[in-house]
Amino acid sequence: MAGESGEGHGGFPDGAVGRPGPPVGGFSAECSHVGGPAVRLPGGFTADVKITNTGDQAVEGWRLRWDFTAGQRVDQGWSARWSQEGETVTAENLSWNGRLAPGASTTISFNGNSASDNPEPTAFTLNGQECGG
């Protein structure tokens, strides 16, 4: 389920899923999808998530989490270390994208599968603090 390089495409269905959250360890963050509708495959999808440092201090390492609500699974991902336990998905920075200066962003991507519905995640946390909803 882990991939560590490459560029993704697609996004979560129905537009952006994040908005600026409260300051997180001296910075604030925004998490959103990238691009238009998700790339849909038979029983699956490809999605990108963009993490942007909207604060005035650098982020030194990040861990993004969200919950799927309809049994979706991450099959493989890139530009992060991916894991999933139950409904909770975790993506952690790699050595080359862990530092986000003020205004900087990184995009992470994954392939997932879903048996039926594929609703958007309703909230993200970055380093334990809300960054989307």
C-alpha atoms as a PDB file:
ATOM      1  CA  MET A   1       0.000   0.000   0.000  1.00  0.00           C
ATOM      2  CA  ALA A   2       2.953   2.348   0.069  1.00  0.00           C
ATOM      3  CA  GLY A   3       4.436   4.342  -2.743  1.00  0.00           C
ATOM      4  CA  GLU A   4       6.860   7.125  -2.315  1.00  0.00           C
ATOM      5  CA  SER A   5       7.105   9.045  -5.551  1.00  0.00           C
ATOM      6  CA  GLY A   6       5.155  10.132  -8.569  1.00  0.00           C
ATOM      7  CA  GLU A   7       2.474  12.570  -9.546  1.00  0.00           C
ATOM      8  CA  GLY A   8      -1.216  11.961  -9.119  1.00  0.00           C
ATOM      9  CA  HIS A   9      -4.382  13.097 -10.806  1.00  0.00           C
ATOM     10  CA  GLY A  10      -8.055  13.270  -9.994  1.00  0.00           C
ATOM     11  CA  GLY A  11      -9.557  14.287  -6.688  1.00  0.00           C
ATOM     12  CA  PHE A  12     -12.402  13.669  -4.332  1.00  0.00           C
ATOM     13  CA  PRO A  13     -15.846  14.040  -5.883  1.00  0.00           C
ATOM     14  CA  ASP A  14     -17.818  17.256  -5.550  1.00  0.00           C
ATOM     15  CA  GLY A  15     -15.092  19.826  -4.979  1.00  0.00           C
ATOM     16  CA  ALA A  16     -12.843  20.956  -2.166  1.00  0.00           C
ATOM     17  CA  VAL A  17     -13.146  19.199   1.138  1.00  0.00           C
ATOM     18  CA  GLY A  18     -10.979  21.418   3.291  1.00  0.00           C
ATOM     19  CA  ARG A  19     -10.769  24.906   4.630  1.00  0.00           C
ATOM     20  CA  PRO A  20      -8.229  26.679   6.806  1.00  0.00           C
ATOM     21  CA  GLY A  21      -8.192  25.249  10.290  1.00  0.00           C
ATOM     22  CA  PRO A  22      -6.967  26.644  13.566  1.00  0.00           C
ATOM     23  CA  PRO A  23      -3.249  27.239  14.083  1.00  0.00           C
ATOM     24  CA  VAL A  24      -1.389  23.940  14.381  1.00  0.00           C
ATOM     25  CA  GLY A  25       1.814  24.214  16.386  1.00  0.00           C
ATOM     26  CA  GLY A  26       2.364  27.807  15.274  1.00  0.00           C
ATOM     27  CA  PHE A  27       1.084  27.332  11.759  1.00  0.00           C
ATOM     28  CA  SER A  28      -2.273  26.909  10.118  1.00  0.00           C
ATOM     29  CA  ALA A  29      -3.073  24.508   7.339  1.00  0.00           C
ATOM     30  CA  GLU A  30      -5.561  23.962   4.572  1.00  0.00           C
ATOM     31  CA  CYS A  31      -6.328  20.537   3.133  1.00  0.00           C
ATOM     32  CA  SER A  32      -8.211  20.193  -0.125  1.00  0.00           C
ATOM     33  CA  HIS A  33      -8.606  17.969  -3.134  1.00  0.00           C
ATOM     34  CA  VAL A  34      -6.867  18.842  -6.375  1.00  0.00           C
ATOM     35  CA  GLY A  35      -8.466  18.945  -9.802  1.00  0.00           C
ATOM     36  CA  GLY A  36     -11.906  17.983 -10.972  1.00  0.00           C
ATOM     37  CA  PRO A  37     -13.931  14.837 -10.408  1.00  0.00           C
ATOM     38  CA  ALA A  38     -12.175  11.734  -9.158  1.00  0.00           C
ATOM     39  CA  VAL A  39     -10.700   9.354 -11.663  1.00  0.00           C
ATOM     40  CA  ARG A  40     -13.058   6.388 -11.448  1.00  0.00           C
ATOM     41  CA  LEU A  41     -11.982   2.868 -12.185  1.00  0.00           C
ATOM     42  CA  PRO A  42     -14.076  -0.305 -11.939  1.00  0.00           C
ATOM     43  CA  GLY A  43     -14.559  -0.558  -8.154  1.00  0.00           C
ATOM     44  CA  GLY A  44     -12.028   2.158  -7.439  1.00  0.00           C
ATOM     45  CA  PHE A  45     -10.813   5.711  -7.749  1.00  0.00           C
ATOM     46  CA  THR A  46      -7.683   7.871  -7.731  1.00  0.00           C
ATOM     47  CA  ALA A  47      -7.528  10.983  -5.561  1.00  0.00           C
ATOM     48  CA  ASP A  48      -5.115  13.786  -4.700  1.00  0.00           C
ATOM     49  CA  VAL A  49      -5.014  15.804  -1.487  1.00  0.00           C
ATOM     50  CA  LYS A  50      -3.200  19.130  -1.301  1.00  0.00           C
ATOM     51  CA  ILE A  51      -1.764  20.278   2.034  1.00  0.00           C
ATOM     52  CA  THR A  52      -0.957  24.013   2.207  1.00  0.00           C
ATOM     53  CA  ASN A  53       0.759  25.847   5.046  1.00  0.00           C
ATOM     54  CA  THR A  54      -1.378  28.992   5.399  1.00  0.00           C
ATOM     55  CA  GLY A  55       0.455  30.213   8.511  1.00  0.00           C
ATOM     56  CA  ASP A  56       3.564  32.266   9.083  1.00  0.00           C
ATOM     57  CA  GLN A  57       5.807  29.503  10.495  1.00  0.00           C
ATOM     58  CA  ALA A  58       7.269  26.470   8.769  1.00  0.00           C
ATOM     59  CA  VAL A  59       5.783  23.016   9.285  1.00  0.00           C
ATOM     60  CA  GLU A  60       8.531  20.548  10.197  1.00  0.00           C
ATOM     61  CA  GLY A  61       6.949  17.171   9.501  1.00  0.00           C
ATOM     62  CA  TRP A  62       3.265  16.362   9.071  1.00  0.00           C
ATOM     63  CA  ARG A  63       0.753  13.572   9.576  1.00  0.00           C
ATOM     64  CA  LEU A  64      -2.594  13.851   7.792  1.00  0.00           C
ATOM     65  CA  ARG A  65      -5.578  11.738   8.894  1.00  0.00           C
ATOM     66  CA  TRP A  66      -9.171  11.306   7.860  1.00  0.00           C
ATOM     67  CA  ASP A  67     -11.918   8.701   8.122  1.00  0.00           C
ATOM     68  CA  PHE A  68     -13.720   7.015   5.270  1.00  0.00           C
ATOM     69  CA  THR A  69     -17.373   6.299   6.028  1.00  0.00           C
ATOM     70  CA  ALA A  70     -18.444   3.797   3.368  1.00  0.00           C
ATOM     71  CA  GLY A  71     -15.845   1.039   3.546  1.00  0.00           C
ATOM     72  CA  GLN A  72     -13.378   2.635   1.119  1.00  0.00           C
ATOM     73  CA  ARG A  73      -9.803   1.357   1.245  1.00  0.00           C
ATOM     74  CA  VAL A  74      -6.486   2.856   0.177  1.00  0.00           C
ATOM     75  CA  ASP A  75      -4.821   0.321  -2.118  1.00  0.00           C
ATOM     76  CA  GLN A  76      -1.622   2.234  -2.809  1.00  0.00           C
ATOM     77  CA  GLY A  77      -0.391   5.781  -2.547  1.00  0.00           C
ATOM     78  CA  TRP A  78       2.523   7.993  -3.352  1.00  0.00           C
ATOM     79  CA  SER A  79       4.241  11.135  -2.060  1.00  0.00           C
ATOM     80  CA  ALA A  80       3.544   9.957   1.531  1.00  0.00           C
ATOM     81  CA  ARG A  81       3.802   6.903   3.795  1.00  0.00           C
ATOM     82  CA  TRP A  82       0.262   5.486   3.756  1.00  0.00           C
ATOM     83  CA  SER A  83      -1.522   3.298   6.262  1.00  0.00           C
ATOM     84  CA  GLN A  84      -5.120   2.483   7.074  1.00  0.00           C
ATOM     85  CA  GLU A  85      -6.616   0.946  10.191  1.00  0.00           C
ATOM     86  CA  GLY A  86     -10.351   0.361   9.904  1.00  0.00           C
ATOM     87  CA  GLU A  87     -11.854   3.568   8.509  1.00  0.00           C
ATOM     88  CA  THR A  88      -8.908   5.799   9.539  1.00  0.00           C
ATOM     89  CA  VAL A  89      -6.399   6.699   6.821  1.00  0.00           C
ATOM     90  CA  THR A  90      -3.011   8.137   7.759  1.00  0.00           C
ATOM     91  CA  ALA A  91      -0.516   9.775   5.397  1.00  0.00           C
ATOM     92  CA  GLU A  92       2.864  10.884   6.746  1.00  0.00           C
ATOM     93  CA  ASN A  93       5.478  13.026   5.060  1.00  0.00           C
ATOM     94  CA  LEU A  94       8.498  11.628   3.277  1.00  0.00           C
ATOM     95  CA  SER A  95      11.976  13.082   3.764  1.00  0.00           C
ATOM     96  CA  TRP A  96      11.652  15.363   0.739  1.00  0.00           C
ATOM     97  CA  ASN A  97       8.212  16.891   1.479  1.00  0.00           C
ATOM     98  CA  GLY A  98       8.108  17.111   5.278  1.00  0.00           C
ATOM     99  CA  ARG A  99       9.055  20.773   5.528  1.00  0.00           C
ATOM    100  CA  LEU A 100       6.421  23.250   4.386  1.00  0.00           C
ATOM    101  CA  ALA A 101       7.499  26.874   4.507  1.00  0.00           C
ATOM    102  CA  PRO A 102       4.779  29.526   4.904  1.00  0.00           C
ATOM    103  CA  GLY A 103       2.682  29.474   1.725  1.00  0.00           C
ATOM    104  CA  ALA A 104       4.186  26.181   0.544  1.00  0.00           C
ATOM    105  CA  SER A 105       2.143  23.115  -0.304  1.00  0.00           C
ATOM    106  CA  THR A 106       2.534  19.478  -1.204  1.00  0.00           C
ATOM    107  CA  THR A 107       0.179  17.145  -3.021  1.00  0.00           C
ATOM    108  CA  ILE A 108      -0.205  13.501  -2.066  1.00  0.00           C
ATOM    109  CA  SER A 109      -2.110  10.909  -4.072  1.00  0.00           C
ATOM    110  CA  PHE A 110      -3.598   7.466  -3.728  1.00  0.00           C
ATOM    111  CA  ASN A 111      -5.591   4.752  -5.451  1.00  0.00           C
ATOM    112  CA  GLY A 112      -8.552   3.480  -3.483  1.00  0.00           C
ATOM    113  CA  ASN A 113     -11.375   1.026  -3.841  1.00  0.00           C
ATOM    114  CA  SER A 114     -15.004   1.247  -2.913  1.00  0.00           C
ATOM    115  CA  ALA A 115     -17.736  -1.323  -3.256  1.00  0.00           C
ATOM    116  CA  SER A 116     -20.570   1.157  -3.681  1.00  0.00           C
ATOM    117  CA  ASP A 117     -20.866   4.719  -2.388  1.00  0.00           C
ATOM    118  CA  ASN A 118     -17.768   6.883  -2.271  1.00  0.00           C
ATOM    119  CA  PRO A 119     -18.625   9.900  -0.100  1.00  0.00           C
ATOM    120  CA  GLU A 120     -15.988  12.536   0.564  1.00  0.00           C
ATOM    121  CA  PRO A 121     -14.218  12.596   3.890  1.00  0.00           C
ATOM    122  CA  THR A 122     -15.871  15.245   6.058  1.00  0.00           C
ATOM    123  CA  ALA A 123     -12.848  16.254   8.151  1.00  0.00           C
ATOM    124  CA  PHE A 124      -9.072  16.126   8.039  1.00  0.00           C
ATOM    125  CA  THR A 125      -6.564  16.508  10.848  1.00  0.00           C
ATOM    126  CA  LEU A 126      -2.970  17.592  10.355  1.00  0.00           C
ATOM    127  CA  ASN A 127      -0.628  16.849  13.253  1.00  0.00           C
ATOM    128  CA  GLY A 128      -3.684  16.215  15.408  1.00  0.00           C
ATOM    129  CA  GLN A 129      -5.458  19.508  14.671  1.00  0.00           C
ATOM    130  CA  GLU A 130      -8.462  20.061  12.386  1.00  0.00           C
ATOM    131  CA  CYS A 131      -7.559  21.322   8.940  1.00  0.00           C
ATOM    132  CA  GLY A 132     -10.672  20.527   6.927  1.00  0.00           C
ATOM    133  CA  GLY A 133     -14.318  19.878   7.278  1.00  0.00           C
END
